N, C-alpha and C. Protein backbone atom coordinates (compact mmCIF):
# COMPACT_ATOMS: atom_id res chain seq x y z
N UNK A 1 -5.57 -27.19 -4.18
CA UNK A 1 -4.58 -26.07 -3.66
C UNK A 1 -3.11 -26.32 -4.14
N UNK A 2 -2.48 -25.34 -4.35
CA UNK A 2 -1.06 -25.32 -4.77
C UNK A 2 -0.08 -25.83 -3.86
N UNK A 3 1.04 -26.35 -4.20
CA UNK A 3 2.14 -26.63 -3.29
C UNK A 3 2.84 -25.79 -2.68
N UNK A 4 3.43 -25.87 -1.54
CA UNK A 4 3.93 -24.81 -0.90
C UNK A 4 5.26 -24.36 -1.51
N UNK A 5 5.57 -23.42 -1.45
CA UNK A 5 6.84 -22.79 -2.04
C UNK A 5 7.98 -23.48 -1.24
N UNK A 6 7.88 -23.33 0.08
CA UNK A 6 8.86 -24.39 1.09
C UNK A 6 8.26 -25.18 1.67
N UNK A 7 8.78 -26.22 2.19
CA UNK A 7 7.92 -27.15 3.07
C UNK A 7 9.14 -27.87 3.79
N UNK A 8 9.26 -27.74 5.16
CA UNK A 8 10.47 -28.45 6.02
C UNK A 8 9.86 -29.17 7.02
N UNK A 9 10.32 -30.32 7.10
CA UNK A 9 9.67 -31.20 8.21
C UNK A 9 10.69 -31.72 9.21
N UNK A 10 10.47 -31.62 10.44
CA UNK A 10 11.17 -32.29 11.41
C UNK A 10 12.83 -32.07 11.29
N UNK A 11 12.95 -30.61 11.04
CA UNK A 11 14.48 -30.17 10.79
C UNK A 11 15.12 -30.16 12.18
N UNK A 12 16.23 -30.76 12.21
CA UNK A 12 17.13 -30.84 13.39
C UNK A 12 18.41 -30.35 13.19
N UNK A 13 19.00 -29.43 13.79
CA UNK A 13 20.13 -28.85 13.49
C UNK A 13 21.31 -28.67 14.96
N UNK A 14 22.37 -29.17 14.74
CA UNK A 14 23.19 -29.40 16.03
C UNK A 14 24.31 -28.31 15.73
N UNK A 15 25.05 -27.69 16.70
CA UNK A 15 26.04 -27.08 16.80
C UNK A 15 27.07 -27.59 17.81
N UNK A 16 27.81 -28.66 17.34
CA UNK A 16 28.57 -29.44 18.41
C UNK A 16 27.57 -30.50 19.10
N UNK A 17 27.60 -30.06 20.44
CA UNK A 17 26.38 -30.89 21.10
C UNK A 17 25.22 -30.11 21.49
N UNK A 18 25.03 -28.83 21.05
CA UNK A 18 23.90 -27.86 21.33
C UNK A 18 22.87 -28.08 19.97
N UNK A 19 21.54 -28.67 20.47
CA UNK A 19 20.43 -28.87 19.57
C UNK A 19 19.89 -27.39 19.44
N UNK A 20 20.03 -26.84 18.31
CA UNK A 20 19.50 -25.41 17.97
C UNK A 20 18.31 -25.39 17.57
N UNK A 21 17.95 -26.52 16.50
CA UNK A 21 16.69 -26.67 16.01
C UNK A 21 16.25 -28.20 16.20
N UNK A 22 15.02 -28.38 16.69
CA UNK A 22 14.66 -29.44 17.31
C UNK A 22 13.34 -29.91 16.71
N UNK A 23 13.36 -30.43 15.50
CA UNK A 23 12.17 -30.80 14.98
C UNK A 23 10.96 -29.79 14.43
N UNK A 24 11.64 -28.63 14.00
CA UNK A 24 11.01 -27.62 13.32
C UNK A 24 10.19 -28.10 12.26
N UNK A 25 9.06 -27.52 12.04
CA UNK A 25 8.21 -27.60 10.96
C UNK A 25 7.82 -26.09 10.26
N UNK A 26 7.64 -26.45 8.93
CA UNK A 26 7.65 -24.93 8.34
C UNK A 26 7.03 -25.10 6.97
N UNK A 27 6.15 -24.32 6.48
CA UNK A 27 5.38 -24.04 5.28
C UNK A 27 5.16 -22.96 4.80
N UNK A 28 5.57 -22.23 3.45
CA UNK A 28 5.19 -21.19 3.24
C UNK A 28 4.54 -21.20 1.69
N UNK A 29 3.53 -20.28 1.54
CA UNK A 29 2.57 -20.58 0.49
C UNK A 29 3.08 -18.92 -0.39
N UNK A 30 2.51 -19.23 -1.80
CA UNK A 30 2.66 -18.16 -2.44
C UNK A 30 2.24 -16.82 -2.03
N UNK A 31 2.98 -15.59 -2.18
CA UNK A 31 2.52 -14.50 -1.52
C UNK A 31 2.36 -14.07 -0.24
N UNK A 32 2.92 -15.09 0.53
CA UNK A 32 2.46 -15.05 2.12
C UNK A 32 3.65 -14.07 2.82
N UNK A 33 3.31 -13.42 3.72
CA UNK A 33 4.29 -13.08 4.36
C UNK A 33 4.25 -13.43 5.97
N UNK A 34 5.36 -14.29 6.22
CA UNK A 34 5.68 -14.88 7.73
C UNK A 34 6.73 -14.21 8.22
N UNK A 35 6.39 -14.20 9.59
CA UNK A 35 7.53 -13.30 10.48
C UNK A 35 8.02 -14.23 11.47
N UNK A 36 9.09 -14.39 11.57
CA UNK A 36 9.98 -15.52 12.64
C UNK A 36 10.38 -14.66 13.76
N UNK A 37 9.91 -14.93 14.95
CA UNK A 37 10.43 -14.16 16.30
C UNK A 37 11.12 -15.12 17.27
N UNK A 38 11.65 -14.56 18.30
CA UNK A 38 12.13 -15.42 19.44
C UNK A 38 13.20 -14.69 20.06
N UNK A 39 13.57 -15.10 21.13
CA UNK A 39 14.80 -14.47 22.01
C UNK A 39 16.06 -14.53 21.05
N UNK A 40 16.87 -13.34 21.57
CA UNK A 40 18.14 -13.33 20.88
C UNK A 40 18.89 -14.65 21.10
N UNK A 41 19.61 -15.29 19.89
CA UNK A 41 20.47 -16.43 20.09
C UNK A 41 19.82 -17.59 20.21
N UNK A 42 18.42 -17.68 19.92
CA UNK A 42 17.72 -18.89 20.01
C UNK A 42 17.88 -19.99 18.43
N UNK A 43 18.24 -19.16 17.64
CA UNK A 43 18.41 -20.00 16.25
C UNK A 43 17.88 -19.61 15.15
N UNK A 44 17.13 -18.21 15.16
CA UNK A 44 16.42 -17.79 14.01
C UNK A 44 17.12 -17.48 12.84
N UNK A 45 18.26 -16.87 12.88
CA UNK A 45 19.14 -17.06 11.66
C UNK A 45 19.71 -18.55 11.23
N UNK A 46 20.01 -19.26 12.06
CA UNK A 46 20.15 -20.76 11.54
C UNK A 46 18.96 -21.26 10.86
N UNK A 47 17.86 -21.07 11.36
CA UNK A 47 16.53 -21.66 10.47
C UNK A 47 16.35 -21.01 9.17
N UNK A 48 16.91 -19.65 9.25
CA UNK A 48 16.60 -19.08 7.85
C UNK A 48 17.69 -19.70 7.01
N UNK A 49 19.06 -19.71 7.44
CA UNK A 49 20.12 -20.38 6.66
C UNK A 49 19.82 -21.68 6.36
N UNK A 50 18.96 -22.57 6.82
CA UNK A 50 18.71 -23.92 6.67
C UNK A 50 17.49 -23.64 5.31
N UNK A 51 16.46 -23.12 5.61
CA UNK A 51 15.35 -22.77 4.87
C UNK A 51 15.93 -22.05 3.46
N UNK A 52 16.76 -21.39 3.45
CA UNK A 52 17.41 -20.67 2.24
C UNK A 52 18.62 -21.65 1.54
N UNK A 53 18.58 -22.85 2.14
CA UNK A 53 19.66 -23.77 1.65
C UNK A 53 21.19 -23.29 1.72
N UNK A 54 21.34 -22.32 2.43
CA UNK A 54 22.67 -21.92 2.97
C UNK A 54 23.45 -22.82 3.77
N UNK A 55 22.37 -23.68 4.50
CA UNK A 55 23.20 -24.40 5.51
C UNK A 55 22.39 -25.94 5.27
N UNK A 56 23.64 -26.67 4.92
CA UNK A 56 23.16 -28.10 4.79
C UNK A 56 23.44 -28.96 5.75
N UNK A 57 23.89 -28.59 7.03
CA UNK A 57 24.15 -29.64 7.91
C UNK A 57 23.17 -29.84 8.90
N UNK A 58 21.95 -30.06 8.49
CA UNK A 58 20.71 -30.46 9.15
C UNK A 58 20.16 -31.94 8.70
N UNK A 59 19.19 -32.33 9.80
CA UNK A 59 18.63 -33.65 9.44
C UNK A 59 17.12 -33.33 9.30
N UNK A 60 16.35 -34.07 8.42
CA UNK A 60 15.02 -33.78 8.27
C UNK A 60 14.68 -33.37 6.88
N UNK A 61 13.55 -33.18 6.41
CA UNK A 61 13.20 -32.94 5.07
C UNK A 61 12.99 -31.29 4.40
N UNK A 62 13.57 -31.16 3.62
CA UNK A 62 13.36 -29.79 3.04
C UNK A 62 13.05 -29.59 1.56
N UNK A 63 11.91 -29.36 1.30
CA UNK A 63 11.49 -29.11 -0.51
C UNK A 63 11.57 -27.57 -0.64
N UNK A 64 12.09 -27.27 -1.62
CA UNK A 64 11.99 -25.73 -2.30
C UNK A 64 11.45 -25.67 -3.71
N UNK A 65 10.21 -25.12 -3.75
CA UNK A 65 9.54 -25.34 -5.05
C UNK A 65 9.43 -26.62 -5.55
N UNK A 66 9.08 -27.72 -4.66
CA UNK A 66 8.71 -29.02 -5.01
C UNK A 66 10.02 -29.73 -5.21
N UNK A 67 11.30 -29.27 -4.97
CA UNK A 67 12.57 -30.22 -5.07
C UNK A 67 12.98 -30.53 -3.78
N UNK A 68 13.22 -31.71 -3.73
CA UNK A 68 13.72 -32.38 -2.44
C UNK A 68 15.30 -31.84 -2.33
N UNK A 69 15.73 -31.00 -1.45
CA UNK A 69 17.09 -30.35 -1.44
C UNK A 69 18.00 -31.53 -1.05
N UNK A 70 17.48 -32.86 -0.30
CA UNK A 70 18.58 -33.87 -0.08
C UNK A 70 18.94 -34.54 -1.54
N UNK A 71 18.31 -34.49 -2.46
CA UNK A 71 18.46 -35.27 -3.66
C UNK A 71 19.09 -34.25 -4.76
N UNK A 72 19.15 -32.92 -4.55
CA UNK A 72 19.62 -31.88 -5.53
C UNK A 72 21.23 -31.79 -5.28
N UNK A 73 21.91 -31.36 -6.66
CA UNK A 73 23.37 -31.26 -6.36
C UNK A 73 23.48 -29.83 -5.68
N UNK A 74 24.76 -29.76 -5.51
CA UNK A 74 25.23 -28.27 -5.03
C UNK A 74 25.09 -27.15 -6.15
N UNK A 75 25.16 -27.55 -7.60
CA UNK A 75 24.89 -26.80 -8.28
C UNK A 75 23.32 -26.45 -8.83
N UNK A 76 22.54 -27.43 -8.44
CA UNK A 76 21.17 -27.34 -8.50
C UNK A 76 20.51 -26.30 -7.25
N UNK A 77 21.26 -26.57 -6.18
CA UNK A 77 20.81 -25.65 -5.10
C UNK A 77 21.30 -24.17 -5.32
N UNK A 78 22.53 -24.07 -5.87
CA UNK A 78 22.88 -22.54 -6.16
C UNK A 78 22.04 -22.12 -7.35
N UNK A 79 21.50 -22.95 -8.15
CA UNK A 79 20.65 -22.51 -9.24
C UNK A 79 19.18 -21.89 -8.65
N UNK A 80 18.68 -22.63 -7.48
CA UNK A 80 17.53 -22.40 -6.74
C UNK A 80 17.58 -21.14 -6.17
N UNK A 81 19.10 -20.88 -5.57
CA UNK A 81 18.96 -19.41 -4.85
C UNK A 81 19.12 -18.70 -5.49
N UNK A 82 19.61 -18.29 -6.86
CA UNK A 82 20.04 -17.75 -7.51
C UNK A 82 18.49 -16.97 -8.33
N UNK A 83 17.83 -18.18 -8.68
CA UNK A 83 16.40 -18.02 -9.61
C UNK A 83 15.16 -17.87 -8.78
N UNK A 84 15.34 -18.29 -7.61
CA UNK A 84 14.11 -18.59 -6.74
C UNK A 84 14.05 -17.70 -5.39
N UNK A 85 15.04 -17.07 -4.91
CA UNK A 85 15.36 -16.51 -3.59
C UNK A 85 16.00 -15.33 -3.71
N UNK A 86 15.56 -14.38 -2.92
CA UNK A 86 16.48 -13.08 -2.47
C UNK A 86 16.71 -13.12 -1.03
N UNK A 87 17.96 -12.54 -0.84
CA UNK A 87 18.36 -12.68 0.70
C UNK A 87 18.58 -11.27 1.19
N UNK A 88 18.10 -10.88 2.30
CA UNK A 88 18.69 -9.68 2.99
C UNK A 88 19.10 -10.07 4.20
N UNK A 89 20.67 -9.70 4.11
CA UNK A 89 21.41 -10.08 5.42
C UNK A 89 21.57 -9.31 6.32
N UNK A 90 21.84 -9.60 7.70
CA UNK A 90 22.03 -8.62 8.64
C UNK A 90 23.35 -7.63 8.48
N UNK A 91 24.45 -8.26 7.85
CA UNK A 91 25.43 -7.49 7.84
C UNK A 91 25.79 -7.12 6.23
N UNK A 92 24.71 -7.21 5.51
CA UNK A 92 24.52 -6.68 4.20
C UNK A 92 25.30 -7.43 3.09
N UNK A 93 26.57 -7.73 3.32
CA UNK A 93 27.50 -8.48 2.22
C UNK A 93 27.38 -7.76 1.15
N UNK A 94 27.74 -6.26 1.18
CA UNK A 94 28.08 -5.43 -0.01
C UNK A 94 29.66 -5.50 -0.22
N UNK A 95 29.80 -5.10 -1.51
CA UNK A 95 30.99 -4.98 -1.85
C UNK A 95 31.41 -3.56 -1.75
N UNK A 96 32.05 -3.11 -0.97
CA UNK A 96 31.99 -1.53 -0.33
C UNK A 96 32.73 -0.67 -1.70
N UNK A 97 33.46 -1.13 -2.45
CA UNK A 97 34.35 -0.33 -3.47
C UNK A 97 33.24 -0.26 -4.83
N UNK A 98 32.14 -0.98 -4.82
CA UNK A 98 31.32 -0.91 -5.73
C UNK A 98 30.28 0.19 -5.70
N UNK A 99 29.72 0.50 -6.66
CA UNK A 99 28.56 1.71 -6.20
C UNK A 99 27.38 1.04 -5.84
N UNK A 100 26.54 1.65 -5.15
CA UNK A 100 25.00 0.94 -4.81
C UNK A 100 24.70 0.25 -5.99
N UNK A 101 24.37 0.82 -7.25
CA UNK A 101 23.77 0.36 -8.22
C UNK A 101 24.47 -1.07 -8.73
N UNK A 102 25.81 -1.08 -8.80
CA UNK A 102 26.59 -2.14 -9.06
C UNK A 102 26.38 -3.48 -8.14
N UNK A 103 26.47 -2.96 -6.74
CA UNK A 103 26.02 -4.21 -5.89
C UNK A 103 24.67 -4.65 -6.06
N UNK A 104 23.52 -3.81 -6.46
CA UNK A 104 22.31 -4.31 -7.03
C UNK A 104 22.40 -5.36 -8.00
N UNK A 105 23.30 -4.88 -9.11
CA UNK A 105 23.23 -5.35 -10.34
C UNK A 105 24.07 -6.99 -10.21
N UNK A 106 24.67 -7.20 -9.08
CA UNK A 106 25.54 -8.66 -8.73
C UNK A 106 24.68 -9.63 -9.00
N UNK A 107 23.42 -9.91 -8.31
CA UNK A 107 22.74 -11.17 -8.84
C UNK A 107 22.49 -11.50 -10.26
N UNK A 108 22.24 -10.67 -11.06
CA UNK A 108 22.14 -10.77 -12.21
C UNK A 108 23.30 -11.24 -12.95
N UNK A 109 24.59 -10.50 -12.80
CA UNK A 109 25.92 -10.79 -12.98
C UNK A 109 26.11 -12.34 -12.67
N UNK A 110 25.74 -12.91 -11.57
CA UNK A 110 26.24 -14.33 -11.28
C UNK A 110 25.17 -15.13 -11.99
N UNK A 111 24.01 -14.71 -12.59
CA UNK A 111 23.17 -15.29 -13.30
C UNK A 111 23.36 -15.64 -14.70
N UNK A 112 24.24 -14.43 -15.02
CA UNK A 112 24.70 -14.42 -16.69
C UNK A 112 23.67 -13.76 -17.33
N UNK A 113 22.86 -12.63 -16.58
CA UNK A 113 21.81 -11.76 -17.26
C UNK A 113 22.79 -10.60 -18.01
N UNK A 114 22.28 -10.12 -19.01
CA UNK A 114 22.91 -8.76 -19.39
C UNK A 114 22.43 -7.96 -18.55
N UNK A 115 23.28 -7.26 -17.82
CA UNK A 115 23.08 -6.20 -16.94
C UNK A 115 22.33 -4.81 -17.33
N UNK A 116 22.63 -4.68 -18.37
CA UNK A 116 22.19 -3.55 -19.23
C UNK A 116 20.74 -3.55 -19.50
N UNK A 117 20.13 -4.93 -19.49
CA UNK A 117 18.71 -5.00 -19.84
C UNK A 117 17.82 -4.71 -18.31
N UNK A 118 18.56 -4.89 -17.25
CA UNK A 118 17.67 -4.56 -15.91
C UNK A 118 18.26 -3.35 -15.25
N UNK A 119 19.27 -2.63 -15.79
CA UNK A 119 19.84 -1.51 -15.06
C UNK A 119 18.73 -0.41 -14.67
N UNK A 120 17.65 -0.34 -15.64
CA UNK A 120 16.80 0.51 -15.29
C UNK A 120 16.05 0.08 -14.21
N UNK A 121 15.42 -1.04 -14.31
CA UNK A 121 14.69 -1.72 -13.05
C UNK A 121 15.43 -1.70 -12.01
N UNK A 122 16.77 -1.85 -11.74
CA UNK A 122 17.40 -1.67 -10.67
C UNK A 122 17.38 -0.32 -9.83
N UNK A 123 17.81 0.68 -10.82
CA UNK A 123 17.41 1.96 -10.51
C UNK A 123 16.15 2.51 -10.04
N UNK A 124 15.03 1.74 -10.40
CA UNK A 124 13.66 2.06 -10.33
C UNK A 124 13.39 1.56 -8.65
N UNK A 125 14.20 0.20 -8.44
CA UNK A 125 13.74 -0.24 -7.25
C UNK A 125 14.64 0.57 -5.97
N UNK A 126 15.73 1.09 -6.30
CA UNK A 126 16.66 1.91 -5.62
C UNK A 126 15.91 3.27 -5.23
N UNK A 127 15.33 3.76 -6.34
CA UNK A 127 14.37 5.02 -6.03
C UNK A 127 13.37 4.83 -5.36
N UNK A 128 12.60 3.63 -5.37
CA UNK A 128 11.30 3.45 -4.54
C UNK A 128 11.64 3.06 -3.00
N UNK A 129 13.01 2.45 -2.88
CA UNK A 129 13.56 2.56 -1.67
C UNK A 129 14.14 3.70 -0.90
N UNK A 130 14.07 4.83 -1.84
CA UNK A 130 14.20 6.16 -1.16
C UNK A 130 16.01 6.41 -1.30
N UNK A 131 16.63 5.76 -2.37
CA UNK A 131 17.87 5.69 -2.30
C UNK A 131 18.19 5.97 -3.98
N UNK A 132 18.79 7.45 -3.89
CA UNK A 132 18.98 7.84 -5.47
C UNK A 132 20.41 8.28 -5.72
N UNK A 133 21.21 8.23 -4.84
CA UNK A 133 22.73 8.31 -5.04
C UNK A 133 23.22 7.13 -5.30
N UNK A 134 22.88 6.45 -6.53
CA UNK A 134 23.32 5.01 -6.87
C UNK A 134 24.57 4.83 -7.46
N UNK A 135 25.14 5.83 -7.64
CA UNK A 135 26.60 5.91 -8.32
C UNK A 135 27.47 5.94 -7.10
N UNK A 136 27.25 6.17 -5.91
CA UNK A 136 28.07 6.27 -4.68
C UNK A 136 28.60 4.70 -4.36
N UNK A 137 30.06 4.89 -4.34
CA UNK A 137 30.51 3.37 -3.56
C UNK A 137 29.90 3.23 -2.04
N UNK A 138 29.41 1.96 -1.88
CA UNK A 138 28.60 1.62 -0.70
C UNK A 138 29.26 1.91 0.57
N UNK A 139 30.65 2.12 0.41
CA UNK A 139 31.39 2.18 1.97
C UNK A 139 31.21 3.72 2.22
N UNK A 140 30.81 4.57 1.49
CA UNK A 140 30.49 6.08 1.91
C UNK A 140 28.99 6.03 2.21
N UNK A 141 28.15 4.99 2.30
CA UNK A 141 26.79 5.21 2.47
C UNK A 141 26.58 4.78 4.12
N UNK A 142 25.48 5.22 4.61
CA UNK A 142 25.25 5.19 6.13
C UNK A 142 24.58 3.53 6.28
N UNK A 143 24.58 3.21 7.26
CA UNK A 143 23.94 1.82 7.53
C UNK A 143 22.67 1.72 7.12
N UNK A 144 21.81 2.53 7.16
CA UNK A 144 20.56 2.72 6.71
C UNK A 144 20.32 2.42 5.31
N UNK A 145 21.30 3.28 4.52
CA UNK A 145 21.25 3.27 3.39
C UNK A 145 21.72 2.02 2.72
N UNK A 146 22.65 1.53 3.33
CA UNK A 146 23.30 0.27 3.13
C UNK A 146 22.43 -0.88 3.01
N UNK A 147 21.37 -0.65 4.00
CA UNK A 147 20.42 -1.90 4.26
C UNK A 147 19.44 -1.53 3.10
N UNK A 148 19.01 -0.36 2.64
CA UNK A 148 18.13 -0.55 1.33
C UNK A 148 18.63 -0.88 0.15
N UNK A 149 20.28 -0.65 -0.06
CA UNK A 149 20.94 -1.26 -1.27
C UNK A 149 20.80 -2.72 -1.22
N UNK A 150 21.08 -3.31 0.13
CA UNK A 150 21.01 -4.80 0.26
C UNK A 150 19.55 -5.31 -0.22
N UNK A 151 18.35 -4.36 0.19
CA UNK A 151 16.96 -4.90 -0.06
C UNK A 151 16.82 -4.95 -1.62
N UNK A 152 17.29 -3.83 -2.20
CA UNK A 152 17.11 -3.80 -3.56
C UNK A 152 17.80 -4.91 -4.45
N UNK A 153 19.18 -5.27 -3.92
CA UNK A 153 19.92 -6.41 -4.41
C UNK A 153 18.93 -7.64 -4.44
N UNK A 154 18.40 -7.70 -3.06
CA UNK A 154 17.56 -8.87 -3.20
C UNK A 154 16.39 -9.17 -3.80
N UNK A 155 15.84 -7.96 -4.42
CA UNK A 155 14.70 -7.90 -5.06
C UNK A 155 14.98 -7.94 -6.81
N UNK A 156 16.15 -7.54 -7.36
CA UNK A 156 16.31 -7.25 -8.73
C UNK A 156 16.14 -8.44 -9.84
N UNK A 157 16.25 -9.50 -8.96
CA UNK A 157 16.07 -10.82 -9.87
C UNK A 157 14.51 -11.32 -9.78
N UNK A 158 13.50 -10.56 -9.24
CA UNK A 158 12.20 -10.78 -9.14
C UNK A 158 12.10 -12.38 -8.43
N UNK A 159 12.59 -12.48 -7.21
CA UNK A 159 12.55 -13.71 -6.67
C UNK A 159 11.00 -14.12 -6.23
N UNK A 160 10.97 -15.75 -6.11
CA UNK A 160 9.34 -15.71 -5.74
C UNK A 160 9.38 -15.70 -4.11
N UNK A 161 10.67 -15.90 -3.49
CA UNK A 161 10.69 -15.81 -1.93
C UNK A 161 11.64 -14.96 -1.67
N UNK A 162 11.69 -13.93 -0.80
CA UNK A 162 12.46 -13.17 -0.06
C UNK A 162 12.55 -13.33 1.40
N UNK A 163 13.84 -13.62 1.65
CA UNK A 163 14.15 -13.83 2.97
C UNK A 163 14.81 -12.77 3.75
N UNK A 164 14.61 -12.28 4.69
CA UNK A 164 15.29 -11.13 5.48
C UNK A 164 15.48 -11.38 6.86
N UNK A 165 16.78 -11.23 7.01
CA UNK A 165 17.18 -11.60 8.49
C UNK A 165 17.33 -10.20 9.33
N UNK A 166 16.38 -9.85 9.95
CA UNK A 166 16.47 -8.55 10.63
C UNK A 166 16.51 -7.29 9.73
N UNK A 167 15.78 -7.01 8.82
CA UNK A 167 16.21 -6.42 7.79
C UNK A 167 15.97 -4.73 8.14
N UNK A 168 15.35 -4.44 9.31
CA UNK A 168 15.24 -3.19 9.79
C UNK A 168 16.12 -2.74 11.03
N UNK A 169 17.20 -3.89 11.47
CA UNK A 169 18.06 -3.73 12.61
C UNK A 169 18.65 -2.51 12.54
N UNK A 170 19.01 -1.77 11.04
CA UNK A 170 19.91 -0.57 11.24
C UNK A 170 19.09 0.55 11.17
N UNK A 171 17.83 0.61 11.22
CA UNK A 171 16.83 1.56 10.97
C UNK A 171 16.29 2.38 12.10
N UNK A 172 15.86 3.57 12.06
CA UNK A 172 15.13 4.15 13.10
C UNK A 172 13.69 3.74 12.83
N UNK A 173 12.91 4.04 13.75
CA UNK A 173 11.54 3.57 13.83
C UNK A 173 10.63 4.26 12.53
N UNK A 174 10.94 5.27 12.13
CA UNK A 174 10.35 5.85 11.13
C UNK A 174 10.68 5.20 9.81
N UNK A 175 12.22 5.17 9.50
CA UNK A 175 12.80 4.45 8.34
C UNK A 175 12.26 2.95 8.33
N UNK A 176 12.25 2.30 9.46
CA UNK A 176 11.76 0.95 9.49
C UNK A 176 10.33 0.62 9.01
N UNK A 177 9.59 1.68 9.38
CA UNK A 177 8.01 1.56 8.80
C UNK A 177 8.11 1.85 7.35
N UNK A 178 8.88 2.95 6.88
CA UNK A 178 9.13 3.28 5.48
C UNK A 178 9.45 2.02 4.64
N UNK A 179 10.60 1.33 5.12
CA UNK A 179 11.06 0.12 4.65
C UNK A 179 10.07 -0.74 4.03
N UNK A 180 9.13 -1.03 5.17
CA UNK A 180 8.35 -2.05 5.16
C UNK A 180 7.29 -1.88 4.42
N UNK A 181 6.76 -0.76 4.35
CA UNK A 181 5.86 0.04 3.49
C UNK A 181 6.08 -0.46 2.10
N UNK A 182 7.18 -0.21 1.63
CA UNK A 182 7.59 -0.44 0.33
C UNK A 182 7.98 -1.74 0.04
N UNK A 183 8.26 -2.67 1.06
CA UNK A 183 8.59 -4.09 0.73
C UNK A 183 7.18 -4.74 0.57
N UNK A 184 6.34 -4.25 1.46
CA UNK A 184 5.25 -4.80 1.41
C UNK A 184 4.28 -4.40 -0.05
N UNK A 185 4.48 -3.17 -0.59
CA UNK A 185 3.93 -2.69 -1.56
C UNK A 185 4.56 -3.64 -2.69
N UNK A 186 5.60 -3.91 -2.71
CA UNK A 186 6.23 -4.72 -3.99
C UNK A 186 5.97 -6.06 -3.80
N UNK A 187 5.80 -6.41 -2.52
CA UNK A 187 5.49 -8.07 -2.47
C UNK A 187 4.08 -8.05 -2.91
N UNK A 188 3.03 -7.17 -2.62
CA UNK A 188 1.69 -7.37 -3.29
C UNK A 188 1.72 -7.19 -4.71
N UNK A 189 2.54 -6.39 -5.19
CA UNK A 189 2.69 -6.05 -6.70
C UNK A 189 3.30 -7.07 -7.52
N UNK A 190 4.31 -7.62 -6.84
CA UNK A 190 5.04 -8.71 -7.93
C UNK A 190 4.73 -10.09 -7.48
N UNK A 191 3.92 -10.23 -6.11
CA UNK A 191 3.61 -11.48 -5.62
C UNK A 191 4.57 -12.40 -5.04
N UNK A 192 5.87 -12.10 -4.67
CA UNK A 192 6.67 -12.83 -4.07
C UNK A 192 6.11 -13.10 -2.55
N UNK A 193 6.76 -14.22 -1.89
CA UNK A 193 6.43 -14.38 -0.58
C UNK A 193 7.82 -14.09 0.18
N UNK A 194 7.57 -13.61 1.37
CA UNK A 194 8.40 -13.18 2.32
C UNK A 194 8.53 -13.80 3.77
N UNK A 195 9.80 -14.21 4.11
CA UNK A 195 9.98 -14.73 5.55
C UNK A 195 10.94 -13.78 5.99
N UNK A 196 10.60 -13.13 7.13
CA UNK A 196 11.48 -12.16 7.91
C UNK A 196 11.51 -12.40 9.17
N UNK A 197 12.92 -12.33 9.94
CA UNK A 197 13.18 -12.44 11.33
C UNK A 197 13.01 -11.24 11.75
N UNK A 198 12.05 -10.89 12.62
CA UNK A 198 11.75 -9.59 13.03
C UNK A 198 11.48 -9.47 14.71
N UNK A 199 11.74 -8.08 14.95
CA UNK A 199 11.34 -8.11 16.68
C UNK A 199 10.38 -6.98 16.82
N UNK A 200 10.27 -6.07 15.77
CA UNK A 200 9.60 -5.08 16.03
C UNK A 200 7.93 -5.14 16.08
N UNK A 201 7.35 -5.15 17.25
CA UNK A 201 5.83 -5.33 17.34
C UNK A 201 4.89 -4.71 16.22
N UNK A 202 5.35 -3.48 15.71
CA UNK A 202 4.61 -2.83 14.82
C UNK A 202 4.58 -3.64 13.43
N UNK A 203 5.92 -3.89 13.18
CA UNK A 203 6.24 -4.85 11.93
C UNK A 203 5.69 -6.09 11.82
N UNK A 204 5.63 -6.68 13.05
CA UNK A 204 5.21 -7.96 13.35
C UNK A 204 3.25 -8.26 12.96
N UNK A 205 3.02 -6.88 13.29
CA UNK A 205 1.66 -6.86 13.11
C UNK A 205 1.22 -7.02 11.76
N UNK A 206 1.92 -6.65 10.71
CA UNK A 206 1.44 -6.68 9.16
C UNK A 206 1.80 -8.27 8.79
N UNK A 207 2.26 -9.24 9.42
CA UNK A 207 2.63 -10.27 8.92
C UNK A 207 1.25 -11.31 8.72
N UNK A 208 1.19 -11.96 7.75
CA UNK A 208 -0.01 -13.05 7.68
C UNK A 208 0.18 -13.88 8.72
N UNK A 209 1.24 -14.49 9.08
CA UNK A 209 1.44 -15.28 10.23
C UNK A 209 2.71 -14.96 11.03
N UNK A 210 2.70 -15.27 12.18
CA UNK A 210 4.01 -14.99 13.17
C UNK A 210 4.48 -16.33 13.88
N UNK A 211 5.47 -16.62 13.49
CA UNK A 211 5.92 -17.90 14.29
C UNK A 211 7.12 -17.60 15.27
N UNK A 212 7.08 -18.28 16.52
CA UNK A 212 7.68 -17.74 17.53
C UNK A 212 8.88 -19.26 17.53
N UNK A 213 10.16 -18.92 17.41
CA UNK A 213 11.02 -20.04 17.96
C UNK A 213 11.69 -20.25 19.14
N UNK A 214 11.25 -21.27 19.62
CA UNK A 214 11.40 -21.61 21.14
C UNK A 214 11.88 -22.88 21.41
N UNK A 215 13.11 -23.03 22.06
CA UNK A 215 13.68 -24.12 22.32
C UNK A 215 13.62 -25.18 21.19
N UNK A 216 13.99 -24.43 19.95
CA UNK A 216 14.21 -25.20 18.60
C UNK A 216 12.89 -25.49 17.95
N UNK A 217 11.99 -25.27 18.30
CA UNK A 217 10.60 -25.57 17.95
C UNK A 217 9.97 -24.37 17.40
N UNK A 218 9.15 -24.27 16.17
CA UNK A 218 8.32 -23.10 15.64
C UNK A 218 6.99 -23.28 16.25
N UNK A 219 6.32 -22.16 16.97
CA UNK A 219 5.11 -22.17 17.43
C UNK A 219 4.21 -20.84 16.79
N UNK A 220 2.89 -21.31 16.37
CA UNK A 220 2.38 -20.21 15.68
C UNK A 220 2.00 -19.39 17.10
N UNK A 221 2.23 -17.89 16.86
CA UNK A 221 1.85 -17.07 17.71
C UNK A 221 0.75 -16.10 17.24
N UNK A 222 0.01 -15.86 18.10
CA UNK A 222 -1.29 -14.89 17.72
C UNK A 222 -1.07 -13.68 18.21
N UNK A 223 -1.50 -12.50 17.54
CA UNK A 223 -1.20 -11.10 18.04
C UNK A 223 -2.05 -10.81 19.11
C-alpha cells in the first residue's frame, strides 16, 4: 500500500487561549477527493492552512509526501508548496492589474519555469474552466470569473494535491456544479488528490470521504 500524500497526527492549534484544533487526525491518498465540512468559524480554514504548511504554529505531526514538516527548513516547505500543492483561496489572492493569463502563470514564475513553455497549457485550463477572455486584467472580472482564474492558477503546475477553501462560495448553483464537473474531470485525468472545504450537499455527495470538523476534531461523516 502506498504511503499517504498527507498524514497528520494529533494536530493541536491554539489562537491565544482558544483551542481551534484539538488532536485532529488526517490522511490523504493518491487521487482521493476529501471534503471537509463543519459550522462557520469552527476552524476549517485553519485546518487547511496547517495541512498546506501555510501555518506552522501547531503541535502534532505532519508529513507531506513522506517529509516530516517539523524537520524541514522554510525553503524546503516553500518548495513543497510550489511543486506538490495547488491552492484555491476564498479571497482569490489575484493581482488585479495582471491579466487572467498572467495570474495563472505566476506559480511557474515563482518556480523559475519558462512561462512560454506552459502558456498554451494555462490557456487550455482557462478555456476548460469556461474563461476565454484571458487577456483581461482580473480587476475587471466578476467574482465567479476570478474564482475560475484562481482555480486555473492552482492547477497550472500539475500539483499532486489541490487544496480548495470554499472554492464555489462566489458561484450560483449551476456555475458551482459546472466548476466541480471540470475540477473532478481534471482530477481523474491528471490523478491529483483534492481536499476541499465545502457546504453544498450536492458537491459533498461527490467526495470519496466527508470529514466534519467539530470541536477541533475530524469525524468521518456518512451521506
